[in-house]
């Protein structure tokens, strides 16, 4: 049986839906649309220069992914951050990223160290006029340099899944605990010293795991302090 290709109109609508999905997702992730924000389809459509139809399709995708919820008499709103999901994601990432970093360490060369230090210096500069979204992006860039050489593709896949899950949770943890950012930069320096000195895998893994766990602990303490 010959497969019938979609019409140009179908292709155009699909492209507009993808554009709407990408735009709304980015605004949720960067905090432009915070948890509880009401998503007015007509306003979003006007802003993006499309009809309501592709925006509605995008919102349905986001609902299926757990980023958007529907409330009676309210409509579509940005879902809140599930603290349990965040806890489990960070615990898992602590384990797999620690292992990936330790396995990568023997393969990290001088050029990689230079790149990582340059990113960390950007993070240090970012502290002066703190931008949690940019800081989080740089933080991911820093860690990617350290774990991307991991020779175990299964562990590396789990690390990527963890980072993607954090993005879907809108987890710029530093937005909630900005004081954690400075300590994070210092811990990066210490981790680089271990790798450059050729420390054993256990020491590097412990350092990487402790670094991730410290961020989780800071967030959990903040959540406890702000609980009604």
N, C-alpha and C. Protein backbone atom coordinates (compact mmCIF):
# COMPACT_ATOMS: atom_id res chain seq x y z
N UNK A 1 0.85 -1.19 0.00
CA UNK A 1 0.00 0.00 0.00
C UNK A 1 0.89 1.25 0.00
N UNK A 2 0.54 2.19 -0.89
CA UNK A 2 1.32 3.41 -0.99
C UNK A 2 0.90 4.41 0.07
N UNK A 3 1.87 4.93 0.80
CA UNK A 3 1.56 5.90 1.85
C UNK A 3 1.31 7.26 1.22
N UNK A 4 0.24 7.89 1.64
CA UNK A 4 -0.13 9.19 1.10
C UNK A 4 0.49 10.28 1.94
N UNK A 5 1.24 11.14 1.32
CA UNK A 5 1.90 12.23 2.06
C UNK A 5 0.88 13.26 2.48
N UNK A 6 1.19 13.98 3.56
CA UNK A 6 0.29 15.03 4.04
C UNK A 6 0.21 16.18 3.05
N UNK A 7 -0.89 16.87 3.09
CA UNK A 7 -1.06 18.01 2.21
C UNK A 7 -0.19 19.15 2.69
N UNK A 8 0.09 20.15 1.80
CA UNK A 8 0.87 21.32 2.23
C UNK A 8 0.24 22.01 3.42
N UNK A 9 -1.12 22.01 3.47
CA UNK A 9 -1.80 22.65 4.60
C UNK A 9 -1.52 21.91 5.89
N UNK A 10 -1.56 20.55 5.81
CA UNK A 10 -1.25 19.75 7.00
C UNK A 10 0.16 20.04 7.48
N UNK A 11 1.11 20.12 6.54
CA UNK A 11 2.50 20.38 6.89
C UNK A 11 2.65 21.74 7.54
N UNK A 12 1.95 22.72 6.99
CA UNK A 12 2.02 24.08 7.54
C UNK A 12 1.46 24.12 8.95
N UNK A 13 0.32 23.46 9.17
CA UNK A 13 -0.29 23.45 10.49
C UNK A 13 0.61 22.74 11.50
N UNK A 14 1.23 21.63 11.04
CA UNK A 14 2.13 20.91 11.92
C UNK A 14 3.33 21.75 12.30
N UNK A 15 3.85 22.52 11.37
CA UNK A 15 4.98 23.39 11.63
C UNK A 15 4.60 24.49 12.62
N UNK A 16 3.40 25.05 12.45
CA UNK A 16 2.94 26.10 13.37
C UNK A 16 2.71 25.53 14.76
N UNK A 17 2.19 24.32 14.83
CA UNK A 17 1.97 23.68 16.12
C UNK A 17 3.30 23.44 16.83
N UNK A 18 4.31 22.98 16.06
CA UNK A 18 5.63 22.76 16.65
C UNK A 18 6.24 24.07 17.13
N UNK A 19 6.06 25.12 16.33
CA UNK A 19 6.59 26.43 16.73
C UNK A 19 5.93 26.92 18.01
N UNK A 20 4.62 26.73 18.10
CA UNK A 20 3.90 27.14 19.31
C UNK A 20 4.36 26.31 20.51
N UNK A 21 4.53 25.01 20.29
CA UNK A 21 4.99 24.12 21.36
C UNK A 21 6.37 24.54 21.86
N UNK A 22 7.27 24.80 20.93
CA UNK A 22 8.64 25.20 21.29
C UNK A 22 8.64 26.51 22.06
N UNK A 23 7.84 27.47 21.60
CA UNK A 23 7.80 28.79 22.23
C UNK A 23 7.23 28.72 23.64
N UNK A 24 6.11 28.02 23.80
CA UNK A 24 5.47 27.94 25.12
C UNK A 24 6.34 27.14 26.08
N UNK A 25 6.93 26.05 25.60
CA UNK A 25 7.82 25.25 26.44
C UNK A 25 8.98 26.09 26.95
N UNK A 26 9.60 26.87 26.06
CA UNK A 26 10.73 27.72 26.45
C UNK A 26 10.31 28.71 27.52
N UNK A 27 9.12 29.27 27.40
CA UNK A 27 8.66 30.26 28.38
C UNK A 27 8.34 29.62 29.73
N UNK A 28 7.92 28.37 29.69
CA UNK A 28 7.68 27.66 30.95
C UNK A 28 9.01 27.35 31.63
N UNK A 29 9.97 26.86 30.83
CA UNK A 29 11.27 26.47 31.37
C UNK A 29 12.02 27.66 31.95
N UNK A 30 11.98 28.82 31.23
CA UNK A 30 12.77 29.96 31.72
C UNK A 30 12.03 30.81 32.76
N UNK A 31 10.80 30.39 33.11
CA UNK A 31 10.08 31.08 34.18
C UNK A 31 9.23 32.24 33.72
N UNK A 32 9.20 32.53 32.42
CA UNK A 32 8.32 33.60 31.92
C UNK A 32 6.87 33.27 32.25
N UNK A 33 6.53 31.99 32.09
CA UNK A 33 5.23 31.49 32.52
C UNK A 33 5.47 30.67 33.79
N UNK A 34 5.31 31.24 34.97
CA UNK A 34 5.60 30.51 36.21
C UNK A 34 4.48 29.53 36.56
N UNK A 35 4.71 28.63 37.52
CA UNK A 35 3.66 27.72 37.95
C UNK A 35 2.40 28.49 38.34
N UNK A 36 1.24 28.00 37.86
CA UNK A 36 -0.03 28.64 38.14
C UNK A 36 -0.43 29.69 37.12
N UNK A 37 0.48 30.03 36.21
CA UNK A 37 0.18 31.05 35.19
C UNK A 37 -0.90 30.54 34.24
N UNK A 38 -1.91 31.37 33.99
CA UNK A 38 -2.98 30.98 33.09
C UNK A 38 -2.54 31.20 31.65
N UNK A 39 -2.70 30.17 30.83
CA UNK A 39 -2.30 30.23 29.43
C UNK A 39 -3.52 30.60 28.58
N UNK A 40 -3.58 31.85 28.17
CA UNK A 40 -4.69 32.32 27.35
C UNK A 40 -4.35 32.05 25.89
N UNK A 41 -5.04 31.11 25.29
CA UNK A 41 -4.70 30.64 23.95
C UNK A 41 -4.73 31.76 22.91
N UNK A 42 -5.75 32.59 22.97
CA UNK A 42 -5.88 33.66 21.98
C UNK A 42 -4.72 34.65 22.08
N UNK A 43 -4.31 34.96 23.31
CA UNK A 43 -3.20 35.90 23.49
C UNK A 43 -1.89 35.31 22.99
N UNK A 44 -1.67 34.02 23.28
CA UNK A 44 -0.45 33.36 22.81
C UNK A 44 -0.43 33.30 21.29
N UNK A 45 -1.58 32.96 20.70
CA UNK A 45 -1.68 32.88 19.24
C UNK A 45 -1.36 34.22 18.60
N UNK A 46 -1.91 35.29 19.18
CA UNK A 46 -1.65 36.62 18.64
C UNK A 46 -0.16 36.98 18.76
N UNK A 47 0.42 36.62 19.88
CA UNK A 47 1.83 36.92 20.11
C UNK A 47 2.72 36.19 19.10
N UNK A 48 2.35 34.95 18.76
CA UNK A 48 3.15 34.14 17.86
C UNK A 48 2.78 34.33 16.39
N UNK A 49 1.69 35.04 16.15
CA UNK A 49 1.26 35.28 14.78
C UNK A 49 0.67 34.06 14.11
N UNK A 50 -0.03 33.22 14.90
CA UNK A 50 -0.69 32.03 14.36
C UNK A 50 -2.13 32.01 14.83
N UNK A 51 -2.90 31.05 14.31
CA UNK A 51 -4.27 30.89 14.78
C UNK A 51 -4.29 30.16 16.11
N UNK A 52 -5.45 30.05 16.71
CA UNK A 52 -5.58 29.37 18.00
C UNK A 52 -5.38 27.87 17.85
N UNK A 53 -5.68 27.31 16.66
CA UNK A 53 -5.63 25.85 16.47
C UNK A 53 -4.26 25.25 16.80
N UNK A 54 -3.15 25.74 16.22
CA UNK A 54 -1.84 25.14 16.56
C UNK A 54 -1.44 25.37 18.01
N UNK A 55 -1.90 26.48 18.60
CA UNK A 55 -1.61 26.73 20.02
C UNK A 55 -2.34 25.71 20.88
N UNK A 56 -3.58 25.43 20.53
CA UNK A 56 -4.36 24.43 21.28
C UNK A 56 -3.68 23.06 21.20
N UNK A 57 -3.19 22.71 20.01
CA UNK A 57 -2.49 21.42 19.86
C UNK A 57 -1.22 21.39 20.70
N UNK A 58 -0.50 22.51 20.74
CA UNK A 58 0.72 22.59 21.55
C UNK A 58 0.41 22.43 23.03
N UNK A 59 -0.66 23.06 23.47
CA UNK A 59 -1.05 22.98 24.88
C UNK A 59 -1.43 21.55 25.24
N UNK A 60 -2.09 20.85 24.32
CA UNK A 60 -2.44 19.46 24.58
C UNK A 60 -1.20 18.59 24.74
N UNK A 61 -0.19 18.85 23.93
CA UNK A 61 1.08 18.12 24.07
C UNK A 61 1.71 18.39 25.43
N UNK A 62 1.68 19.64 25.84
CA UNK A 62 2.29 20.01 27.12
C UNK A 62 1.50 19.42 28.29
N UNK A 63 0.19 19.30 28.12
CA UNK A 63 -0.62 18.66 29.16
C UNK A 63 -0.22 17.19 29.29
N UNK A 64 -0.04 16.51 28.14
CA UNK A 64 0.34 15.10 28.15
C UNK A 64 1.71 14.91 28.81
N UNK A 65 2.57 15.92 28.70
CA UNK A 65 3.90 15.83 29.29
C UNK A 65 3.95 16.29 30.74
N UNK A 66 2.80 16.76 31.26
CA UNK A 66 2.74 17.15 32.66
C UNK A 66 3.16 18.58 32.95
N UNK A 67 3.41 19.38 31.90
CA UNK A 67 3.81 20.76 32.13
C UNK A 67 2.62 21.70 32.25
N UNK A 68 1.47 21.26 31.78
CA UNK A 68 0.26 22.08 31.80
C UNK A 68 -0.88 21.26 32.39
N UNK A 69 -1.75 21.91 33.16
CA UNK A 69 -2.93 21.27 33.69
C UNK A 69 -4.16 22.09 33.30
N UNK A 70 -5.32 21.44 33.30
CA UNK A 70 -6.57 22.14 33.05
C UNK A 70 -7.38 22.20 34.33
N UNK A 71 -7.85 23.37 34.66
CA UNK A 71 -8.66 23.58 35.86
C UNK A 71 -10.03 24.09 35.46
N UNK A 72 -11.04 23.57 36.10
CA UNK A 72 -12.41 23.99 35.81
C UNK A 72 -12.58 25.48 36.06
N UNK A 73 -13.24 26.12 35.14
CA UNK A 73 -13.52 27.57 35.19
C UNK A 73 -12.26 28.44 35.10
N UNK A 74 -11.13 27.81 34.85
CA UNK A 74 -9.87 28.55 34.71
C UNK A 74 -9.25 28.31 33.34
N UNK A 75 -9.20 27.05 32.94
CA UNK A 75 -8.58 26.69 31.67
C UNK A 75 -7.19 26.13 31.87
N UNK A 76 -6.33 26.34 30.90
CA UNK A 76 -4.97 25.79 30.94
C UNK A 76 -4.08 26.66 31.81
N UNK A 77 -3.37 26.02 32.72
CA UNK A 77 -2.41 26.73 33.57
C UNK A 77 -1.11 25.94 33.63
N UNK A 78 -0.04 26.64 33.92
CA UNK A 78 1.26 25.98 34.05
C UNK A 78 1.28 25.15 35.33
N UNK A 79 1.66 23.89 35.21
CA UNK A 79 1.68 23.00 36.36
C UNK A 79 2.76 23.41 37.35
N UNK A 80 2.53 23.12 38.61
CA UNK A 80 3.52 23.40 39.64
C UNK A 80 4.64 22.36 39.60
N UNK A 81 5.74 22.69 40.24
CA UNK A 81 6.86 21.76 40.32
C UNK A 81 6.53 20.70 41.37
N UNK A 82 6.58 19.46 40.98
CA UNK A 82 6.30 18.36 41.89
C UNK A 82 7.57 18.09 42.71
N UNK A 83 7.55 18.41 44.02
CA UNK A 83 8.76 18.25 44.82
C UNK A 83 9.25 16.81 44.90
N UNK A 84 8.31 15.85 44.83
CA UNK A 84 8.71 14.45 44.88
C UNK A 84 9.45 14.05 43.61
N UNK A 85 8.93 14.50 42.46
CA UNK A 85 9.59 14.21 41.19
C UNK A 85 10.98 14.86 41.16
N UNK A 86 11.06 16.07 41.68
CA UNK A 86 12.36 16.75 41.71
C UNK A 86 13.35 15.97 42.58
N UNK A 87 12.87 15.53 43.73
CA UNK A 87 13.72 14.76 44.65
C UNK A 87 14.25 13.51 43.96
N UNK A 88 13.35 12.74 43.35
CA UNK A 88 13.77 11.49 42.71
C UNK A 88 14.71 11.75 41.54
N UNK A 89 14.44 12.80 40.77
CA UNK A 89 15.28 13.11 39.62
C UNK A 89 16.69 13.49 40.07
N UNK A 90 16.78 14.33 41.09
CA UNK A 90 18.08 14.77 41.58
C UNK A 90 18.86 13.63 42.23
N UNK A 91 18.16 12.77 42.96
CA UNK A 91 18.84 11.62 43.57
C UNK A 91 19.42 10.70 42.49
N UNK A 92 18.62 10.45 41.45
CA UNK A 92 19.08 9.59 40.37
C UNK A 92 20.23 10.23 39.62
N UNK A 93 20.11 11.53 39.33
CA UNK A 93 21.16 12.22 38.60
C UNK A 93 22.46 12.25 39.39
N UNK A 94 22.34 12.36 40.70
CA UNK A 94 23.53 12.34 41.55
C UNK A 94 24.31 11.04 41.36
N UNK A 95 23.59 9.93 41.29
CA UNK A 95 24.23 8.63 41.13
C UNK A 95 24.84 8.45 39.74
N UNK A 96 24.02 8.70 38.70
CA UNK A 96 24.50 8.40 37.35
C UNK A 96 25.51 9.43 36.85
N UNK A 97 25.34 10.70 37.22
CA UNK A 97 26.30 11.70 36.78
C UNK A 97 27.63 11.53 37.51
N UNK A 98 27.56 11.14 38.78
CA UNK A 98 28.79 10.87 39.51
C UNK A 98 29.58 9.74 38.86
N UNK A 99 28.86 8.67 38.48
CA UNK A 99 29.52 7.54 37.82
C UNK A 99 30.07 7.95 36.45
N UNK A 100 29.29 8.71 35.69
CA UNK A 100 29.73 9.14 34.36
C UNK A 100 30.96 10.03 34.44
N UNK A 101 30.99 10.92 35.41
CA UNK A 101 32.14 11.81 35.57
C UNK A 101 33.39 11.03 35.95
N UNK A 102 33.23 10.06 36.84
CA UNK A 102 34.38 9.24 37.25
C UNK A 102 34.92 8.42 36.07
N UNK A 103 34.02 7.87 35.26
CA UNK A 103 34.45 7.08 34.10
C UNK A 103 35.07 7.97 33.02
N UNK A 104 34.62 9.21 32.95
CA UNK A 104 35.15 10.15 31.96
C UNK A 104 36.54 10.66 32.32
N UNK A 105 36.79 10.76 33.62
CA UNK A 105 37.99 11.45 34.11
C UNK A 105 39.29 11.07 33.40
N UNK A 106 39.58 9.77 33.19
CA UNK A 106 40.85 9.43 32.52
C UNK A 106 40.92 9.91 31.07
N UNK A 107 39.76 10.24 30.50
CA UNK A 107 39.69 10.64 29.09
C UNK A 107 39.61 12.15 28.92
N UNK A 108 39.56 12.86 30.04
CA UNK A 108 39.47 14.32 29.98
C UNK A 108 40.88 14.89 29.81
N UNK A 109 41.08 15.60 28.71
CA UNK A 109 42.39 16.14 28.41
C UNK A 109 42.57 17.58 28.87
N UNK A 110 43.78 18.12 28.72
CA UNK A 110 44.06 19.50 29.13
C UNK A 110 43.13 20.52 28.47
N UNK A 111 42.78 20.32 27.20
CA UNK A 111 41.89 21.26 26.53
C UNK A 111 40.50 21.25 27.16
N UNK A 112 40.06 20.07 27.58
CA UNK A 112 38.76 19.97 28.26
C UNK A 112 38.79 20.73 29.58
N UNK A 113 39.89 20.60 30.31
CA UNK A 113 40.02 21.30 31.59
C UNK A 113 39.97 22.82 31.36
N UNK A 114 40.66 23.27 30.33
CA UNK A 114 40.66 24.70 30.01
C UNK A 114 39.24 25.17 29.69
N UNK A 115 38.52 24.40 28.88
CA UNK A 115 37.14 24.75 28.54
C UNK A 115 36.26 24.80 29.79
N UNK A 116 36.40 23.79 30.64
CA UNK A 116 35.58 23.73 31.85
C UNK A 116 35.87 24.91 32.77
N UNK A 117 37.14 25.26 32.91
CA UNK A 117 37.50 26.40 33.77
C UNK A 117 36.93 27.70 33.19
N UNK A 118 36.95 27.82 31.86
CA UNK A 118 36.42 29.03 31.23
C UNK A 118 34.92 29.16 31.50
N UNK A 119 34.20 28.05 31.41
CA UNK A 119 32.76 28.08 31.68
C UNK A 119 32.52 28.43 33.15
N UNK A 120 33.33 27.85 34.04
CA UNK A 120 33.15 28.14 35.46
C UNK A 120 33.43 29.60 35.77
N UNK A 121 34.38 30.19 35.06
CA UNK A 121 34.65 31.62 35.25
C UNK A 121 33.48 32.47 34.79
N UNK A 122 32.82 32.03 33.70
CA UNK A 122 31.60 32.72 33.27
C UNK A 122 30.53 32.64 34.35
N UNK A 123 30.44 31.49 34.98
CA UNK A 123 29.48 31.32 36.07
C UNK A 123 29.82 32.24 37.23
N UNK A 124 31.11 32.37 37.52
CA UNK A 124 31.54 33.25 38.61
C UNK A 124 31.19 34.71 38.28
N UNK A 125 31.40 35.09 37.03
CA UNK A 125 31.04 36.45 36.61
C UNK A 125 29.54 36.67 36.69
N UNK A 126 28.79 35.63 36.37
CA UNK A 126 27.32 35.70 36.40
C UNK A 126 26.79 35.98 37.80
N UNK A 127 27.58 35.66 38.82
CA UNK A 127 27.16 35.88 40.20
C UNK A 127 26.99 37.36 40.51
N UNK A 128 27.71 38.21 39.79
CA UNK A 128 27.69 39.65 40.08
C UNK A 128 26.33 40.27 39.80
N UNK A 129 25.71 39.85 38.69
CA UNK A 129 24.35 40.29 38.36
C UNK A 129 23.58 39.01 38.06
N UNK A 130 23.13 38.37 39.11
CA UNK A 130 22.70 36.98 39.03
C UNK A 130 21.50 36.76 38.11
N UNK A 131 21.70 35.86 37.15
CA UNK A 131 20.66 35.44 36.23
C UNK A 131 20.55 33.92 36.37
N UNK A 132 19.54 33.42 37.10
CA UNK A 132 19.47 31.99 37.38
C UNK A 132 19.33 31.12 36.14
N UNK A 133 18.64 31.63 35.11
CA UNK A 133 18.47 30.83 33.89
C UNK A 133 19.81 30.68 33.17
N UNK A 134 20.54 31.78 33.01
CA UNK A 134 21.85 31.71 32.35
C UNK A 134 22.82 30.88 33.19
N UNK A 135 22.78 31.06 34.50
CA UNK A 135 23.67 30.31 35.38
C UNK A 135 23.41 28.81 35.24
N UNK A 136 22.14 28.43 35.18
CA UNK A 136 21.78 27.03 35.04
C UNK A 136 22.27 26.47 33.70
N UNK A 137 22.15 27.25 32.64
CA UNK A 137 22.61 26.82 31.32
C UNK A 137 24.13 26.61 31.34
N UNK A 138 24.85 27.54 31.95
CA UNK A 138 26.30 27.41 32.05
C UNK A 138 26.68 26.20 32.91
N UNK A 139 25.90 25.97 33.95
CA UNK A 139 26.14 24.84 34.83
C UNK A 139 26.04 23.52 34.06
N UNK A 140 25.05 23.44 33.20
CA UNK A 140 24.91 22.24 32.38
C UNK A 140 26.08 22.11 31.41
N UNK A 141 26.49 23.23 30.83
CA UNK A 141 27.65 23.20 29.91
C UNK A 141 28.89 22.70 30.63
N UNK A 142 29.08 23.17 31.85
CA UNK A 142 30.25 22.77 32.64
C UNK A 142 30.26 21.26 32.86
N UNK A 143 29.13 20.74 33.35
CA UNK A 143 29.08 19.32 33.67
C UNK A 143 29.15 18.45 32.42
N UNK A 144 28.60 18.96 31.31
CA UNK A 144 28.65 18.18 30.07
C UNK A 144 30.08 17.94 29.64
N UNK A 145 30.95 18.92 29.84
CA UNK A 145 32.37 18.74 29.49
C UNK A 145 32.97 17.58 30.29
N UNK A 146 32.52 17.43 31.52
CA UNK A 146 33.10 16.42 32.40
C UNK A 146 32.51 15.02 32.20
N UNK A 147 31.24 14.93 31.79
CA UNK A 147 30.67 13.59 31.67
C UNK A 147 30.54 13.08 30.23
N UNK A 148 30.71 13.96 29.23
CA UNK A 148 30.47 13.53 27.85
C UNK A 148 31.49 12.52 27.33
N UNK A 149 32.64 12.39 28.00
CA UNK A 149 33.62 11.39 27.57
C UNK A 149 33.32 10.00 28.14
N UNK A 150 32.24 9.90 28.89
CA UNK A 150 31.91 8.61 29.52
C UNK A 150 31.82 7.52 28.46
N UNK A 151 32.60 6.45 28.60
CA UNK A 151 32.62 5.40 27.57
C UNK A 151 31.43 4.44 27.65
N UNK A 152 30.64 4.55 28.71
CA UNK A 152 29.47 3.68 28.87
C UNK A 152 28.24 4.40 28.34
N UNK A 153 27.74 4.02 27.15
CA UNK A 153 26.62 4.75 26.55
C UNK A 153 25.32 4.66 27.36
N UNK A 154 25.16 3.57 28.10
CA UNK A 154 23.93 3.42 28.88
C UNK A 154 23.89 4.41 30.04
N UNK A 155 25.03 4.56 30.73
CA UNK A 155 25.10 5.53 31.82
C UNK A 155 24.93 6.95 31.26
N UNK A 156 25.58 7.21 30.13
CA UNK A 156 25.49 8.54 29.52
C UNK A 156 24.05 8.86 29.13
N UNK A 157 23.33 7.88 28.62
CA UNK A 157 21.93 8.08 28.27
C UNK A 157 21.10 8.44 29.50
N UNK A 158 21.39 7.78 30.61
CA UNK A 158 20.66 8.07 31.85
C UNK A 158 20.95 9.49 32.34
N UNK A 159 22.19 9.95 32.16
CA UNK A 159 22.53 11.32 32.55
C UNK A 159 21.74 12.31 31.71
N UNK A 160 21.72 12.10 30.41
CA UNK A 160 20.96 13.00 29.53
C UNK A 160 19.48 13.00 29.88
N UNK A 161 18.95 11.84 30.19
CA UNK A 161 17.54 11.76 30.58
C UNK A 161 17.29 12.57 31.85
N UNK A 162 18.23 12.49 32.79
CA UNK A 162 18.09 13.23 34.04
C UNK A 162 18.07 14.73 33.81
N UNK A 163 19.00 15.22 32.97
CA UNK A 163 19.04 16.65 32.67
C UNK A 163 17.78 17.08 31.95
N UNK A 164 17.30 16.26 31.01
CA UNK A 164 16.06 16.60 30.30
C UNK A 164 14.88 16.64 31.25
N UNK A 165 14.89 15.73 32.21
CA UNK A 165 13.79 15.71 33.19
C UNK A 165 13.83 16.97 34.05
N UNK A 166 15.02 17.41 34.43
CA UNK A 166 15.13 18.64 35.21
C UNK A 166 14.59 19.82 34.41
N UNK A 167 14.89 19.85 33.11
CA UNK A 167 14.39 20.95 32.27
C UNK A 167 12.88 20.95 32.24
N UNK A 168 12.28 19.75 32.15
CA UNK A 168 10.81 19.68 32.11
C UNK A 168 10.19 20.09 33.43
N UNK A 169 10.98 19.99 34.51
CA UNK A 169 10.49 20.42 35.82
C UNK A 169 10.76 21.91 36.06
N UNK A 170 11.30 22.58 35.04
CA UNK A 170 11.67 24.00 35.16
C UNK A 170 12.66 24.19 36.28
N UNK A 171 13.58 23.26 36.39
CA UNK A 171 14.43 23.29 37.56
C UNK A 171 15.65 24.19 37.40
N UNK A 172 15.43 25.48 37.48
CA UNK A 172 16.56 26.34 37.78
C UNK A 172 16.54 26.46 39.30
N UNK A 173 17.12 25.47 39.95
CA UNK A 173 17.13 25.45 41.41
C UNK A 173 17.67 26.76 41.97
N UNK A 174 18.62 27.35 41.24
CA UNK A 174 19.27 28.56 41.73
C UNK A 174 18.32 29.75 41.78
N UNK A 175 17.17 29.63 41.08
CA UNK A 175 16.15 30.68 41.20
C UNK A 175 15.60 30.73 42.63
N UNK A 176 15.51 29.55 43.25
CA UNK A 176 14.94 29.45 44.60
C UNK A 176 16.00 29.59 45.68
N UNK A 177 17.21 29.13 45.40
CA UNK A 177 18.28 29.22 46.39
C UNK A 177 19.51 29.85 45.74
N UNK A 178 19.45 31.15 45.41
CA UNK A 178 20.58 31.80 44.74
C UNK A 178 21.87 31.74 45.53
N UNK A 179 21.78 31.64 46.86
CA UNK A 179 22.98 31.55 47.67
C UNK A 179 23.78 30.29 47.42
N UNK A 180 23.14 29.29 46.85
CA UNK A 180 23.81 28.02 46.54
C UNK A 180 24.77 28.17 45.36
N UNK A 181 24.54 29.18 44.51
CA UNK A 181 25.30 29.34 43.28
C UNK A 181 26.80 29.53 43.55
N UNK A 182 27.14 30.39 44.50
CA UNK A 182 28.56 30.66 44.76
C UNK A 182 29.28 29.41 45.26
N UNK A 183 28.64 28.66 46.14
CA UNK A 183 29.25 27.42 46.63
C UNK A 183 29.42 26.42 45.49
N UNK A 184 28.47 26.42 44.56
CA UNK A 184 28.53 25.50 43.43
C UNK A 184 29.77 25.78 42.57
N UNK A 185 30.06 27.06 42.34
CA UNK A 185 31.24 27.43 41.55
C UNK A 185 32.52 26.95 42.24
N UNK A 186 32.59 27.12 43.55
CA UNK A 186 33.77 26.69 44.30
C UNK A 186 33.93 25.17 44.24
N UNK A 187 32.81 24.46 44.31
CA UNK A 187 32.87 23.00 44.23
C UNK A 187 33.32 22.54 42.84
N UNK A 188 32.96 23.29 41.81
CA UNK A 188 33.45 22.98 40.47
C UNK A 188 34.97 23.06 40.42
N UNK A 189 35.51 24.12 41.03
CA UNK A 189 36.98 24.26 41.07
C UNK A 189 37.62 23.05 41.73
N UNK A 190 37.05 22.62 42.84
CA UNK A 190 37.61 21.49 43.57
C UNK A 190 37.53 20.21 42.74
N UNK A 191 36.44 20.03 42.02
CA UNK A 191 36.28 18.84 41.19
C UNK A 191 37.30 18.82 40.06
N UNK A 192 37.56 19.98 39.47
CA UNK A 192 38.56 20.07 38.41
C UNK A 192 39.96 19.77 38.92
N UNK A 193 40.26 20.21 40.13
CA UNK A 193 41.56 19.93 40.73
C UNK A 193 41.76 18.42 40.88
N UNK A 194 40.72 17.72 41.33
CA UNK A 194 40.79 16.26 41.47
C UNK A 194 41.06 15.58 40.13
N UNK A 195 40.31 16.00 39.12
CA UNK A 195 40.45 15.38 37.80
C UNK A 195 41.83 15.65 37.22
N UNK A 196 42.28 16.89 37.33
CA UNK A 196 43.57 17.27 36.77
C UNK A 196 44.72 16.56 37.48
N UNK A 197 44.52 16.29 38.77
CA UNK A 197 45.58 15.62 39.54
C UNK A 197 45.58 14.11 39.35
N UNK A 198 44.60 13.60 38.60
CA UNK A 198 44.53 12.16 38.37
C UNK A 198 44.06 11.38 39.58
N UNK A 199 43.17 11.98 40.36
CA UNK A 199 42.63 11.30 41.55
C UNK A 199 41.92 10.01 41.14
N UNK A 200 41.79 9.08 42.09
CA UNK A 200 41.15 7.81 41.75
C UNK A 200 39.66 8.01 41.49
N UNK A 201 39.07 7.05 40.80
CA UNK A 201 37.68 7.16 40.36
C UNK A 201 36.71 7.33 41.54
N UNK A 202 36.97 6.65 42.65
CA UNK A 202 36.07 6.74 43.80
C UNK A 202 36.03 8.17 44.36
N UNK A 203 37.18 8.81 44.44
CA UNK A 203 37.24 10.17 44.97
C UNK A 203 36.50 11.14 44.06
N UNK A 204 36.66 10.98 42.76
CA UNK A 204 35.98 11.86 41.81
C UNK A 204 34.47 11.64 41.85
N UNK A 205 34.07 10.37 41.91
CA UNK A 205 32.64 10.08 41.96
C UNK A 205 32.02 10.63 43.24
N UNK A 206 32.70 10.48 44.37
CA UNK A 206 32.17 11.01 45.63
C UNK A 206 32.02 12.53 45.57
N UNK A 207 33.02 13.19 44.98
CA UNK A 207 32.98 14.64 44.88
C UNK A 207 31.82 15.09 43.99
N UNK A 208 31.64 14.43 42.85
CA UNK A 208 30.57 14.79 41.93
C UNK A 208 29.21 14.53 42.55
N UNK A 209 29.07 13.43 43.26
CA UNK A 209 27.79 13.11 43.90
C UNK A 209 27.49 14.08 45.03
N UNK A 210 28.49 14.40 45.83
CA UNK A 210 28.28 15.33 46.94
C UNK A 210 27.88 16.71 46.42
N UNK A 211 28.47 17.11 45.30
CA UNK A 211 28.14 18.40 44.69
C UNK A 211 26.68 18.43 44.29
N UNK A 212 26.21 17.39 43.62
CA UNK A 212 24.80 17.33 43.20
C UNK A 212 23.88 17.26 44.41
N UNK A 213 24.25 16.47 45.39
CA UNK A 213 23.40 16.30 46.58
C UNK A 213 23.29 17.59 47.37
N UNK A 214 24.35 18.41 47.38
CA UNK A 214 24.31 19.68 48.11
C UNK A 214 23.28 20.63 47.52
N UNK A 215 23.15 20.60 46.20
CA UNK A 215 22.13 21.44 45.56
C UNK A 215 20.74 20.95 45.93
N UNK A 216 20.55 19.65 45.92
CA UNK A 216 19.26 19.08 46.33
C UNK A 216 18.94 19.45 47.77
N UNK A 217 19.91 19.31 48.66
CA UNK A 217 19.69 19.62 50.07
C UNK A 217 19.31 21.09 50.27
N UNK A 218 19.94 21.97 49.49
CA UNK A 218 19.63 23.40 49.60
C UNK A 218 18.20 23.67 49.17
N UNK A 219 17.76 23.01 48.10
CA UNK A 219 16.40 23.20 47.61
C UNK A 219 15.39 22.66 48.62
N UNK A 220 15.66 21.48 49.17
CA UNK A 220 14.73 20.87 50.13
C UNK A 220 14.62 21.73 51.39
N UNK A 221 15.74 22.30 51.83
CA UNK A 221 15.71 23.17 53.00
C UNK A 221 14.88 24.42 52.71
N UNK A 222 15.02 24.96 51.51
CA UNK A 222 14.23 26.13 51.10
C UNK A 222 12.75 25.78 51.09
N UNK A 223 12.42 24.62 50.51
CA UNK A 223 11.01 24.21 50.43
C UNK A 223 10.42 24.02 51.82
N UNK A 224 11.22 23.50 52.74
CA UNK A 224 10.75 23.31 54.12
C UNK A 224 10.51 24.66 54.80
N UNK A 225 11.41 25.61 54.58
CA UNK A 225 11.29 26.93 55.21
C UNK A 225 10.11 27.73 54.68
N UNK A 226 9.74 27.50 53.41
CA UNK A 226 8.67 28.29 52.81
C UNK A 226 7.32 27.57 52.83
N UNK A 227 7.28 26.39 53.44
CA UNK A 227 6.03 25.65 53.51
C UNK A 227 5.05 26.40 54.42
N UNK A 228 3.78 26.55 53.98
CA UNK A 228 2.79 27.28 54.81
C UNK A 228 2.57 26.61 56.15
